[in-house]
Amino acid sequence: MGSCRLILDPGVCGFKCEIEAREAGKRRVQILITSECNQISRLNEMLDILDLHEIFITPNKNRVFLLSEKAGCHASCPIPIGVLKCAEVALGVALPRGVAFHFDPCSHS
């Protein structure tokens, strides 16, 4: 069975997160999210199993994003994307490659 563990540093909030996805039967994956963030902890309580179909649903209908909203996650929180990427890797439909945001120097007007 496939599994994946992703360590995600979401940035300025400082609440690092660990996402674990383990294959849970044919084309299904169990998700466990560990974080000190209250919203992400609520998301973890609401989210258990994802199937392959759910991973590829558009954001406006995707259960991970809908539950993230219900949990009170900030719109730009990268954790929901991390959950989906980790699930893809655990199911063998994506490679475990890093994703990064790098800001050029920004100015505030």
Protein backbone atom coordinates (compact mmCIF):
# COMPACT_ATOMS: atom_id res chain seq x y z
CA MET A 1 0.00 0.00 0.00
CA GLY A 2 1.18 3.53 -0.77
CA SER A 3 1.79 6.22 1.77
CA CYS A 4 3.12 9.75 1.82
CA ARG A 5 4.14 12.21 4.51
CA LEU A 6 4.39 15.90 3.74
CA ILE A 7 5.84 18.57 6.04
CA LEU A 8 4.41 21.96 5.14
CA ASP A 9 5.48 25.37 6.44
CA PRO A 10 2.53 27.64 5.56
CA GLY A 11 4.46 30.85 6.14
CA VAL A 12 3.78 33.83 8.35
CA CYS A 13 1.23 32.12 10.63
CA GLY A 14 4.04 29.86 11.89
CA PHE A 15 1.81 26.76 12.27
CA LYS A 16 3.87 24.06 10.60
CA CYS A 17 1.84 21.10 9.51
CA GLU A 18 2.36 17.41 8.86
CA ILE A 19 0.07 15.68 6.41
CA GLU A 20 0.01 11.91 6.14
CA ALA A 21 -1.84 10.01 3.45
CA ARG A 22 -2.10 6.22 3.51
CA GLU A 23 -3.76 4.08 0.92
CA ALA A 24 -6.99 2.70 2.40
CA GLY A 25 -8.26 0.27 -0.19
CA LYS A 26 -8.64 0.53 -3.92
CA ARG A 27 -8.32 4.16 -5.05
CA ARG A 28 -8.94 5.50 -1.52
CA VAL A 29 -6.61 7.26 0.88
CA GLN A 30 -6.84 8.03 4.59
CA ILE A 31 -5.72 11.53 5.62
CA LEU A 32 -4.23 12.59 8.94
CA ILE A 33 -3.24 16.22 9.48
CA THR A 34 -1.21 17.32 12.51
CA SER A 35 -0.93 21.03 13.30
CA GLU A 36 -1.20 23.45 16.21
CA CYS A 37 -3.54 25.60 14.08
CA ASN A 38 -7.11 25.42 15.40
CA GLN A 39 -8.64 25.63 11.92
CA ILE A 40 -6.42 22.87 10.55
CA SER A 41 -7.19 20.71 13.58
CA ARG A 42 -10.91 21.15 12.81
CA LEU A 43 -10.25 20.23 9.18
CA ASN A 44 -8.49 17.07 10.35
CA GLU A 45 -11.53 16.12 12.45
CA MET A 46 -13.85 16.51 9.45
CA LEU A 47 -11.66 14.85 6.83
CA ASP A 48 -10.87 11.15 6.93
CA ILE A 49 -11.00 9.23 3.64
CA LEU A 50 -10.69 10.62 0.12
CA ASP A 51 -11.20 8.64 -3.03
CA LEU A 52 -9.39 9.19 -6.30
CA HIS A 53 -12.39 10.93 -7.88
CA GLU A 54 -12.59 13.50 -5.05
CA ILE A 55 -8.97 14.51 -5.49
CA PHE A 56 -9.55 15.74 -9.04
CA ILE A 57 -12.85 17.60 -8.55
CA THR A 58 -12.70 21.34 -9.28
CA PRO A 59 -12.03 23.60 -6.28
CA ASN A 60 -15.59 24.95 -6.03
CA LYS A 61 -16.93 21.40 -5.55
CA ASN A 62 -13.89 19.76 -3.94
CA ARG A 63 -14.62 18.34 -0.48
CA VAL A 64 -11.17 19.30 0.86
CA PHE A 65 -11.76 22.96 -0.04
CA LEU A 66 -15.37 22.91 1.17
CA LEU A 67 -14.34 21.44 4.52
CA SER A 68 -11.44 23.90 4.77
CA GLU A 69 -13.92 26.73 4.42
CA LYS A 70 -16.20 25.14 7.02
CA ALA A 71 -13.21 24.77 9.38
CA GLY A 72 -12.48 28.49 9.03
CA CYS A 73 -9.25 28.25 7.06
CA HIS A 74 -7.91 31.42 5.46
CA ALA A 75 -8.53 31.55 1.70
CA SER A 76 -4.80 31.52 0.90
CA CYS A 77 -3.91 28.73 3.35
CA PRO A 78 -1.72 26.22 1.45
CA ILE A 79 -2.68 23.23 3.64
CA PRO A 80 -5.68 22.11 1.50
CA ILE A 81 -3.43 21.98 -1.59
CA GLY A 82 -0.91 20.00 0.46
CA VAL A 83 -3.62 17.50 1.43
CA LEU A 84 -4.54 16.95 -2.22
CA LYS A 85 -0.90 16.68 -3.37
CA CYS A 86 -0.07 14.21 -0.59
CA ALA A 87 -3.13 12.11 -1.48
CA GLU A 88 -2.08 12.06 -5.15
CA VAL A 89 1.39 10.80 -4.25
CA ALA A 90 0.03 8.12 -1.88
CA LEU A 91 -2.24 6.85 -4.66
CA GLY A 92 0.59 6.82 -7.20
CA VAL A 93 -0.91 9.43 -9.55
CA ALA A 94 1.74 12.10 -8.86
CA LEU A 95 5.43 12.23 -8.06
CA PRO A 96 6.66 13.54 -4.69
CA ARG A 97 8.10 16.83 -5.91
CA GLY A 98 8.37 19.98 -3.80
CA VAL A 99 6.33 23.11 -4.36
CA ALA A 100 7.61 26.54 -3.34
CA PHE A 101 6.50 30.16 -3.22
CA HIS A 102 9.34 32.66 -3.43
CA PHE A 103 8.60 36.36 -3.14
CA ASP A 104 10.77 38.94 -4.82
CA PRO A 105 11.27 41.98 -2.61
CA CYS A 106 7.84 43.58 -2.17
CA SER A 107 6.99 47.12 -1.24
CA HIS A 108 3.98 48.36 0.70
CA SER A 109 2.36 51.52 -0.58
